[in-house]
């Protein structure tokens, strides 16, 4: 029996796509565009987000929480990501570990994140986010 990996995605190619998605996400944030930032998340009630207030479910809930926490451009500041590792769990799931930092006048904040990206309908989206 011969097993062909010809259709398997190359980790470096997928990792590059994921990095580009995250950098586009940061660009949207830095323009004050929370809707654009949220485009990288799975638009589903099954999206899971874990932060300092515990686990939250759903795209809408996540978006509303961001709106409450970051009501204006000054509060949003400038977001940067540092991708520490990306691991392909299977053909349609990538596990990402990284650091985030927001620089702003009222005090910079930052922390770490773990994300699971899933390929849904041909598009890589975040289905799980643990940021602290």
Protein backbone atom coordinates (compact mmCIF):
# COMPACT_ATOMS: atom_id res chain seq x y z
CA UNK A 1 0.00 0.00 0.00
CA UNK A 2 1.35 3.41 -0.99
CA UNK A 3 0.42 6.53 0.96
CA UNK A 4 0.64 9.75 -1.02
CA UNK A 5 1.21 13.06 0.74
CA UNK A 6 0.96 15.09 -2.45
CA UNK A 7 -2.25 16.79 -1.31
CA UNK A 8 -1.01 17.46 2.22
CA UNK A 9 -0.35 21.15 2.86
CA UNK A 10 3.21 22.22 3.53
CA UNK A 11 3.60 23.51 7.11
CA UNK A 12 5.74 26.46 6.03
CA UNK A 13 3.12 27.53 3.47
CA UNK A 14 0.29 27.23 5.98
CA UNK A 15 2.33 29.00 8.67
CA UNK A 16 2.99 31.87 6.26
CA UNK A 17 -0.76 32.13 5.54
CA UNK A 18 -1.55 32.16 9.27
CA UNK A 19 1.09 34.86 9.91
CA UNK A 20 -0.37 36.97 7.09
CA UNK A 21 -3.85 36.59 8.60
CA UNK A 22 -2.58 37.70 12.01
CA UNK A 23 -0.67 40.65 10.56
CA UNK A 24 -3.80 41.71 8.62
CA UNK A 25 -5.74 41.38 11.87
CA UNK A 26 -3.25 43.68 13.64
CA UNK A 27 -3.47 46.16 10.75
CA UNK A 28 -7.26 46.32 11.11
CA UNK A 29 -6.89 46.81 14.87
CA UNK A 30 -4.35 49.59 14.38
CA UNK A 31 -6.80 51.40 12.07
CA UNK A 32 -9.46 51.22 14.79
CA UNK A 33 -11.44 48.69 12.71
CA UNK A 34 -12.81 46.11 15.15
CA UNK A 35 -15.07 44.61 12.47
CA UNK A 36 -12.04 44.01 10.25
CA UNK A 37 -10.15 42.57 13.21
CA UNK A 38 -13.01 40.15 13.88
CA UNK A 39 -13.05 38.93 10.25
CA UNK A 40 -10.32 36.46 11.20
CA UNK A 41 -12.60 34.75 13.74
CA UNK A 42 -15.09 32.00 12.91
CA UNK A 43 -18.48 33.69 12.69
CA UNK A 44 -20.25 31.08 14.77
CA UNK A 45 -21.88 30.62 18.17
CA UNK A 46 -19.32 27.82 18.68
CA UNK A 47 -16.32 30.18 18.67
CA UNK A 48 -14.56 29.90 22.05
CA UNK A 49 -12.65 32.77 23.65
CA UNK A 50 -10.92 32.49 27.02
CA UNK A 51 -9.66 35.63 28.70
CA UNK A 52 -9.41 37.11 32.18
CA UNK A 53 -13.19 36.85 32.63
CA UNK A 54 -13.35 33.15 31.80
CA UNK A 55 -14.69 31.33 28.76
CA UNK A 56 -17.06 33.05 26.36
CA UNK A 57 -18.87 31.48 23.44
CA UNK A 58 -19.78 32.97 20.11
CA UNK A 59 -18.54 35.49 17.58
CA UNK A 60 -21.11 38.12 18.58
CA UNK A 61 -20.24 37.86 22.29
CA UNK A 62 -16.52 38.12 21.51
CA UNK A 63 -17.10 41.16 19.29
CA UNK A 64 -19.26 42.88 21.92
CA UNK A 65 -16.63 42.24 24.60
CA UNK A 66 -13.95 43.82 22.41
CA UNK A 67 -16.23 46.83 21.82
CA UNK A 68 -16.71 47.28 25.59
CA UNK A 69 -13.02 46.87 26.42
CA UNK A 70 -11.72 48.98 23.51
CA UNK A 71 -14.36 51.66 22.80
CA UNK A 72 -12.09 53.99 20.81
CA UNK A 73 -8.83 54.21 18.89
CA UNK A 74 -6.92 55.67 21.86
CA UNK A 75 -7.88 52.71 24.04
CA UNK A 76 -7.03 50.28 21.23
CA UNK A 77 -3.54 51.70 20.77
CA UNK A 78 -1.12 49.88 18.46
CA UNK A 79 -1.21 46.08 18.42
CA UNK A 80 1.74 43.86 17.55
CA UNK A 81 2.05 40.08 17.48
CA UNK A 82 5.09 37.87 17.89
CA UNK A 83 4.42 34.33 16.65
CA UNK A 84 6.42 31.92 18.82
CA UNK A 85 5.32 28.65 17.22
CA UNK A 86 2.81 27.14 14.83
CA UNK A 87 2.03 23.44 14.70
CA UNK A 88 -0.18 21.70 12.20
CA UNK A 89 -2.41 19.34 14.19
CA UNK A 90 -3.98 17.87 11.06
CA UNK A 91 -4.76 18.95 7.52
CA UNK A 92 -7.38 21.47 8.69
CA UNK A 93 -6.17 22.59 12.15
CA UNK A 94 -3.19 24.73 13.17
CA UNK A 95 -2.17 25.47 16.78
CA UNK A 96 -0.43 28.84 17.27
CA UNK A 97 1.37 30.25 20.32
CA UNK A 98 2.39 33.88 20.45
CA UNK A 99 2.76 37.14 22.30
CA UNK A 100 0.65 40.26 21.90
CA UNK A 101 1.39 43.82 22.88
CA UNK A 102 -0.70 46.98 22.79
CA UNK A 103 1.21 50.24 23.01
CA UNK A 104 -0.89 53.23 24.05
CA UNK A 105 -0.62 56.51 25.95
CA UNK A 106 -2.54 55.36 29.02
CA UNK A 107 -0.18 52.42 29.52
CA UNK A 108 0.91 49.51 27.42
CA UNK A 109 -0.47 46.03 28.00
CA UNK A 110 0.48 42.63 26.68
CA UNK A 111 0.46 38.92 27.20
CA UNK A 112 0.39 35.57 25.48
CA UNK A 113 -2.13 33.78 23.30
CA UNK A 114 -2.89 30.31 22.04
CA UNK A 115 -5.06 29.99 18.96
CA UNK A 116 -6.56 27.18 16.98
CA UNK A 117 -7.09 28.00 13.33
CA UNK A 118 -9.41 25.77 11.32
CA UNK A 119 -9.93 25.72 7.61
CA UNK A 120 -13.65 26.34 7.10
CA UNK A 121 -15.07 26.59 3.59
CA UNK A 122 -11.58 27.14 2.17
CA UNK A 123 -10.69 29.93 4.63
CA UNK A 124 -8.44 29.80 7.71
CA UNK A 125 -10.32 31.20 10.73
CA UNK A 126 -9.73 31.32 14.49
CA UNK A 127 -12.09 28.91 16.24
CA UNK A 128 -10.43 29.01 19.68
CA UNK A 129 -8.58 31.90 21.34
CA UNK A 130 -7.03 31.91 24.81
CA UNK A 131 -5.49 35.32 25.44
CA UNK A 132 -4.11 36.51 28.74
